[in-house]
Protein backbone atom coordinates (compact mmCIF):
# COMPACT_ATOMS: atom_id res chain seq x y z
CA UNK A 1 30.51 6.70 8.92
CA UNK A 2 29.19 10.19 8.57
CA UNK A 3 25.47 10.16 9.35
CA UNK A 4 23.01 13.04 9.24
CA UNK A 5 19.57 13.00 10.86
CA UNK A 6 16.53 14.62 9.25
CA UNK A 7 13.15 14.72 11.04
CA UNK A 8 10.09 14.26 8.82
CA UNK A 9 6.52 15.42 9.40
CA UNK A 10 4.34 13.15 7.25
CA UNK A 11 0.61 13.70 6.81
CA UNK A 12 -1.70 11.32 8.65
CA UNK A 13 -2.39 8.00 7.02
CA UNK A 14 -6.01 9.08 6.62
CA UNK A 15 -4.92 12.13 4.64
CA UNK A 16 -2.67 10.00 2.46
CA UNK A 17 -5.64 7.81 1.56
CA UNK A 18 -7.40 10.84 0.10
CA UNK A 19 -4.22 12.05 -1.60
CA UNK A 20 -3.28 8.79 -3.31
CA UNK A 21 -6.69 7.37 -4.24
CA UNK A 22 -7.32 9.47 -7.41
CA UNK A 23 -3.98 8.44 -8.96
CA UNK A 24 -4.66 4.78 -8.27
CA UNK A 25 -8.16 4.96 -9.75
CA UNK A 26 -6.79 6.63 -12.87
CA UNK A 27 -4.06 4.03 -13.34
CA UNK A 28 -5.88 0.78 -12.46
CA UNK A 29 -9.27 -0.72 -13.27
CA UNK A 30 -9.83 -1.94 -9.71
CA UNK A 31 -8.16 -0.41 -6.66
CA UNK A 32 -8.62 0.30 -2.99
CA UNK A 33 -6.71 2.20 -0.30
CA UNK A 34 -7.48 2.40 3.41
CA UNK A 35 -5.96 2.58 6.88
CA UNK A 36 -5.98 -0.85 8.54
CA UNK A 37 -4.43 -2.70 11.42
CA UNK A 38 -1.42 -4.41 9.90
CA UNK A 39 -1.82 -8.16 9.39
CA UNK A 40 0.91 -10.54 10.51
CA UNK A 41 3.48 -9.99 7.77
CA UNK A 42 5.52 -13.04 8.80
CA UNK A 43 2.79 -15.13 7.20
CA UNK A 44 2.39 -16.00 3.53
CA UNK A 45 2.37 -14.42 1.06
CA UNK A 46 4.62 -11.73 2.62
CA UNK A 47 7.24 -13.78 4.51
CA UNK A 48 8.76 -10.87 6.43
CA UNK A 49 11.01 -11.34 9.45
CA UNK A 50 8.76 -9.13 11.64
CA UNK A 51 5.01 -9.03 12.15
CA UNK A 52 4.52 -5.32 11.42
CA UNK A 53 5.87 -1.97 10.25
CA UNK A 54 5.23 0.20 13.31
CA UNK A 55 7.21 1.75 16.15
CA UNK A 56 10.08 4.21 15.62
CA UNK A 57 9.48 4.22 11.86
CA UNK A 58 12.51 5.49 9.95
CA UNK A 59 14.30 5.29 6.62
CA UNK A 60 18.01 5.29 5.79
CA UNK A 61 19.72 6.00 2.48
CA UNK A 62 23.20 4.48 2.65
CA UNK A 63 25.96 5.09 0.12
CA UNK A 64 24.63 5.56 -3.38
CA UNK A 65 24.97 5.01 -7.10
CA UNK A 66 28.22 7.05 -7.31
CA UNK A 67 29.83 4.12 -5.52
CA UNK A 68 29.01 1.94 -8.55
CA UNK A 69 29.40 4.39 -11.44
CA UNK A 70 31.71 5.14 -13.16
CA UNK A 71 33.75 2.51 -11.30
CA UNK A 72 32.69 0.18 -8.44
CA UNK A 73 34.23 1.34 -5.16
CA UNK A 74 34.84 -2.04 -3.58
CA UNK A 75 35.86 -0.55 -0.26
CA UNK A 76 32.23 0.46 0.33
CA UNK A 77 31.05 -2.40 2.55
CA UNK A 78 28.37 -2.03 5.21
CA UNK A 79 26.83 -4.02 8.05
CA UNK A 80 23.03 -3.90 8.14
CA UNK A 81 23.12 -4.25 11.93
CA UNK A 82 25.57 -1.36 12.25
CA UNK A 83 23.21 0.66 10.08
CA UNK A 84 20.40 -0.21 12.50
CA UNK A 85 22.49 1.38 15.26
CA UNK A 86 23.04 4.52 13.15
CA UNK A 87 19.25 4.61 12.66
CA UNK A 88 18.77 4.58 16.46
CA UNK A 89 16.76 1.38 16.34
CA UNK A 90 16.61 -0.35 19.70
CA UNK A 91 18.78 -3.43 20.25
CA UNK A 92 15.86 -4.90 22.19
CA UNK A 93 13.56 -5.19 19.20
CA UNK A 94 13.56 -4.09 15.57
CA UNK A 95 13.44 -4.90 11.88
CA UNK A 96 14.88 -3.78 8.54
CA UNK A 97 13.61 -4.30 5.00
CA UNK A 98 14.66 -2.66 1.75
CA UNK A 99 16.73 -2.78 -1.40
CA UNK A 100 20.40 -2.47 -2.26
CA UNK A 101 23.57 -4.16 -3.45
CA UNK A 102 24.57 -7.50 -1.97
CA UNK A 103 27.74 -8.20 0.04
CA UNK A 104 30.09 -9.24 -2.76
CA UNK A 105 32.84 -9.70 -0.16
CA UNK A 106 30.76 -12.40 1.58
CA UNK A 107 29.06 -14.01 -1.42
CA UNK A 108 31.97 -13.89 -3.86
CA UNK A 109 29.97 -12.03 -6.50
CA UNK A 110 27.88 -8.93 -7.07
CA UNK A 111 24.13 -9.28 -6.48
CA UNK A 112 20.79 -7.63 -5.78
CA UNK A 113 19.92 -7.74 -2.07
CA UNK A 114 16.45 -7.72 -0.49
CA UNK A 115 17.20 -7.19 3.23
CA UNK A 116 14.58 -8.79 5.48
CA UNK A 117 15.68 -9.22 9.06
CA UNK A 118 14.59 -8.69 12.63
CA UNK A 119 16.10 -9.05 16.08
CA UNK A 120 14.92 -9.38 19.66
CA UNK A 121 16.94 -9.18 22.87
CA UNK A 122 20.04 -7.79 21.16
CA UNK A 123 21.35 -7.19 17.64
CA UNK A 124 23.11 -10.55 17.76
CA UNK A 125 19.75 -12.36 18.09
CA UNK A 126 18.95 -12.02 14.41
CA UNK A 127 16.21 -13.61 12.37
CA UNK A 128 17.65 -13.24 8.88
CA UNK A 129 15.29 -13.92 5.97
CA UNK A 130 17.20 -11.80 3.48
CA UNK A 131 17.34 -12.93 -0.15
CA UNK A 132 19.88 -12.16 -2.85
CA UNK A 133 19.59 -12.51 -6.62
CA UNK A 134 22.65 -13.11 -8.78
CA UNK A 135 23.60 -14.21 -12.26
CA UNK A 136 24.81 -17.77 -12.05
CA UNK A 137 25.77 -18.22 -15.70
CA UNK A 138 25.28 -17.08 -19.27
CA UNK A 139 24.16 -19.31 -22.13
CA UNK A 140 26.07 -19.44 -25.42
CA UNK A 141 23.65 -16.94 -26.92
CA UNK A 142 24.20 -14.51 -24.03
CA UNK A 143 21.06 -15.17 -22.00
CA UNK A 144 21.58 -14.64 -18.28
CA UNK A 145 20.52 -17.33 -15.83
CA UNK A 146 19.46 -15.74 -12.54
CA UNK A 147 19.14 -17.49 -9.18
CA UNK A 148 17.59 -16.27 -5.92
CA UNK A 149 18.76 -17.59 -2.56
CA UNK A 150 18.72 -16.90 1.16
CA UNK A 151 21.65 -14.69 2.14
CA UNK A 152 23.81 -16.04 5.00
CA UNK A 153 25.35 -12.61 5.64
CA UNK A 154 23.95 -9.48 7.31
CA UNK A 155 26.21 -7.22 5.26
CA UNK A 156 25.59 -5.16 2.12
CA UNK A 157 27.65 -2.93 -0.16
CA UNK A 158 27.80 0.19 -2.34
CA UNK A 159 24.20 1.39 -1.87
CA UNK A 160 21.24 0.52 0.31
CA UNK A 161 17.78 1.89 1.07
CA UNK A 162 16.22 0.68 4.31
CA UNK A 163 12.92 1.02 6.12
CA UNK A 164 13.30 0.31 9.82
CA UNK A 165 10.93 0.06 12.76
CA UNK A 166 10.35 -1.80 16.00
CA UNK A 167 8.54 -4.38 13.88
CA UNK A 168 5.30 -4.06 15.81
CA UNK A 169 1.78 -4.27 14.49
CA UNK A 170 -0.11 -1.00 14.11
CA UNK A 171 -2.02 1.12 11.64
CA UNK A 172 -0.69 1.10 8.07
CA UNK A 173 -1.81 1.93 4.56
CA UNK A 174 -3.30 -1.01 2.71
CA UNK A 175 -3.31 -0.60 -1.08
CA UNK A 176 -4.66 -3.00 -3.67
CA UNK A 177 -4.64 -2.55 -7.44
CA UNK A 178 -5.60 -4.73 -10.38
CA UNK A 179 -5.46 -4.44 -14.17
CA UNK A 180 -3.37 -1.40 -15.06
CA UNK A 181 -4.90 0.91 -17.66
CA UNK A 182 -2.77 4.03 -17.19
CA UNK A 183 0.65 4.97 -18.52
CA UNK A 184 2.48 4.71 -15.18
CA UNK A 185 3.83 1.16 -15.36
CA UNK A 186 5.35 1.02 -11.86
CA UNK A 187 3.05 0.50 -8.87
CA UNK A 188 5.32 2.41 -6.48
CA UNK A 189 5.93 5.17 -9.00
CA UNK A 190 2.18 5.72 -9.30
CA UNK A 191 1.97 6.36 -5.56
CA UNK A 192 5.20 8.37 -5.41
CA UNK A 193 4.17 10.72 -8.21
CA UNK A 194 0.82 11.34 -6.56
CA UNK A 195 2.57 12.34 -3.34
CA UNK A 196 5.02 14.59 -5.18
CA UNK A 197 2.20 16.36 -6.98
CA UNK A 198 0.26 16.92 -3.75
CA UNK A 199 3.09 17.99 -1.43
CA UNK A 200 5.69 19.51 -3.75
CA UNK A 201 9.44 19.73 -3.32
CA UNK A 202 9.45 21.24 0.16
CA UNK A 203 7.38 18.72 2.11
CA UNK A 204 8.93 15.30 1.82
CA UNK A 205 6.84 12.19 2.40
CA UNK A 206 8.84 8.97 2.72
CA UNK A 207 7.29 5.50 2.83
CA UNK A 208 8.47 1.96 3.20
CA UNK A 209 6.85 -1.43 3.27
CA UNK A 210 6.02 -4.55 1.31
CA UNK A 211 3.84 -5.40 -1.64
CA UNK A 212 3.11 -8.65 -3.40
CA UNK A 213 2.63 -9.15 -7.11
CA UNK A 214 -0.28 -11.58 -6.67
CA UNK A 215 -1.07 -12.10 -10.36
CA UNK A 216 0.50 -11.24 -13.69
CA UNK A 217 4.12 -10.57 -14.57
CA UNK A 218 6.67 -7.84 -13.95
CA UNK A 219 10.05 -6.74 -15.31
CA UNK A 220 13.16 -6.95 -13.13
CA UNK A 221 16.87 -6.43 -13.54
CA UNK A 222 19.73 -8.30 -11.88
CA UNK A 223 23.27 -6.96 -11.80
CA UNK A 224 25.88 -9.44 -13.02
CA UNK A 225 29.29 -9.64 -11.42
CA UNK A 226 31.45 -6.54 -11.70
CA UNK A 227 33.10 -6.00 -15.09
CA UNK A 228 36.78 -6.79 -15.48
CA UNK A 229 39.19 -3.89 -15.14
CA UNK A 230 39.72 -3.65 -18.91
CA UNK A 231 35.99 -2.86 -19.30
CA UNK A 232 35.96 -0.08 -16.71
CA UNK A 233 35.10 2.66 -16.12
CA UNK A 234 31.49 2.72 -17.33
CA UNK A 235 31.44 5.45 -19.95
CA UNK A 236 27.83 6.58 -19.81
CA UNK A 237 24.29 5.75 -18.77
CA UNK A 238 23.67 3.62 -21.86
CA UNK A 239 26.66 1.41 -21.15
CA UNK A 240 25.74 1.02 -17.48
CA UNK A 241 22.15 0.06 -18.21
CA UNK A 242 23.34 -2.28 -20.98
CA UNK A 243 25.46 -4.12 -18.41
CA UNK A 244 22.35 -5.06 -16.43
CA UNK A 245 20.42 -8.23 -17.23
CA UNK A 246 16.62 -8.09 -17.59
CA UNK A 247 14.11 -10.75 -16.61
CA UNK A 248 10.35 -11.30 -16.62
CA UNK A 249 8.99 -13.12 -13.57
CA UNK A 250 5.42 -14.12 -12.87
CA UNK A 251 3.49 -14.00 -9.61
CA UNK A 252 3.81 -14.43 -6.74
CA UNK A 253 6.67 -12.02 -5.98
CA UNK A 254 7.35 -10.35 -2.62
CA UNK A 255 8.63 -6.77 -3.06
CA UNK A 256 10.39 -4.69 -0.38
CA UNK A 257 10.18 -0.99 -1.14
CA UNK A 258 11.40 2.44 0.00
CA UNK A 259 10.39 5.65 -1.79
CA UNK A 260 10.17 9.42 -1.35
CA UNK A 261 7.91 12.11 -2.75
CA UNK A 262 10.81 14.58 -2.88
CA UNK A 263 14.43 15.12 -1.85
CA UNK A 264 13.62 18.25 0.17
CA UNK A 265 17.12 18.83 1.55
CA UNK A 266 19.09 17.82 -1.54
CA UNK A 267 20.62 14.73 0.07
CA UNK A 268 21.07 12.82 -3.18
CA UNK A 269 18.37 10.33 -2.20
CA UNK A 270 17.48 7.30 -4.27
CA UNK A 271 13.89 8.33 -4.93
CA UNK A 272 12.53 4.80 -5.27
CA UNK A 273 14.09 1.42 -4.70
CA UNK A 274 12.32 -1.94 -4.68
CA UNK A 275 13.87 -5.41 -4.56
CA UNK A 276 11.87 -8.61 -4.79
CA UNK A 277 12.06 -12.34 -4.25
CA UNK A 278 9.89 -15.39 -4.63
CA UNK A 279 8.78 -16.94 -1.35
CA UNK A 280 8.00 -20.17 -3.19
CA UNK A 281 10.64 -22.72 -2.20
CA UNK A 282 12.90 -23.79 -5.06
CA UNK A 283 11.81 -21.01 -7.42
CA UNK A 284 14.64 -18.85 -8.79
CA UNK A 285 13.01 -15.46 -9.18
CA UNK A 286 14.13 -12.14 -7.75
CA UNK A 287 15.76 -8.81 -8.49
CA UNK A 288 15.14 -5.09 -8.87
CA UNK A 289 11.53 -4.26 -9.71
CA UNK A 290 10.92 -1.99 -12.69
CA UNK A 291 7.25 -2.30 -13.66
CA UNK A 292 4.41 -4.67 -14.43
CA UNK A 293 3.85 -6.09 -17.91
CA UNK A 294 0.76 -6.34 -20.10
CA UNK A 295 -1.31 -9.50 -19.82
CA UNK A 296 0.17 -12.37 -21.79
CA UNK A 297 -1.49 -15.12 -23.75
CA UNK A 298 -3.10 -16.40 -20.56
CA UNK A 299 -4.88 -13.05 -20.22
CA UNK A 300 -3.86 -12.68 -16.57
CA UNK A 301 -3.70 -9.01 -15.54
CA UNK A 302 -1.38 -7.73 -12.83
CA UNK A 303 -2.66 -7.57 -9.26
CA UNK A 304 -0.95 -5.97 -6.24
CA UNK A 305 -1.50 -6.00 -2.48
CA UNK A 306 0.62 -3.63 -0.38
CA UNK A 307 1.19 -2.44 3.18
CA UNK A 308 3.14 0.80 3.74
CA UNK A 309 3.98 3.09 6.63
CA UNK A 310 5.44 6.60 6.76
CA UNK A 311 8.88 7.36 8.13
CA UNK A 312 9.17 9.93 10.91
CA UNK A 313 12.97 10.19 10.61
CA UNK A 314 15.39 10.02 7.69
CA UNK A 315 19.06 9.08 8.07
CA UNK A 316 21.64 9.80 5.36
CA UNK A 317 24.60 7.50 5.91
CA UNK A 318 27.93 7.77 4.06
CA UNK A 319 26.53 10.18 1.47
CA UNK A 320 28.63 10.35 -1.71
CA UNK A 321 30.35 13.63 -2.34
CA UNK A 322 28.68 14.33 -5.65
CA UNK A 323 25.35 13.64 -7.32
CA UNK A 324 24.96 11.07 -10.07
CA UNK A 325 23.05 11.61 -13.29
CA UNK A 326 22.53 7.90 -13.98
CA UNK A 327 19.38 6.24 -12.70
CA UNK A 328 19.43 2.44 -12.61
CA UNK A 329 15.65 2.37 -12.29
CA UNK A 330 15.16 3.59 -15.87
């Protein structure tokens, strides 16, 4: 696959603390941001396949939304481990987390994928804790029943956004936020917009990591299986977004996220992509994160805890030939 390599020069984590803090304080009643030594992220509530987010930190944007709209391009199948090689991650030790489309060719249906894997002593020595969310059925009144399961495959399809590293512990950004009061409903969007405002279109800051919705509820979507041929192609943004199914899930939810302050080189990047799963055994909850929701009758406000690191290298893999004006995050 055609792959281009783009070095990044992110600000220090200490500078990012100062940059992001005002936006957080404006948007949430209680918040904190600091540089800390990363905790062991294999432990609850995070359940990652690697202990940390440090060492050879990089991000890859693979494929893209033009491979779904206006018509799914079912030949676009990818191996996450092959992508790790394109990202120059060492076969001796590494990890990948992120968000993208599931391997329909392996699972037998379309799905939302939350990649979460690591390896040690060779790419074939994989610890795969990836989840996928799919629509299992529809009720008579059209309500979609979503399920979330461990994914037996290390493939993906159509589009994928990955944060990769050696999976080592090291310094990271720790962000907490509770009780949203501002108009920016998405936790990651709050941070991303602050970075964009501070650094503009020419200096791109790209981050990846994990956050947990510790309390409250959030809105997610889950793609159903691909439409039948008589219902394709998708005609417009409204029809595409209407095809998605929407779900409200309560805490706890583990969210794997990749986002950029800008697309400095015009690479057609997905500016923000976050997929989530429940680490509670037997609980069917997962999908594409949109935003948190107001407190319900129980009065429980949203609460987040996050760990992020900056990417020092960006890889654009199998970039579509034209930009897309449809954004599935809206």
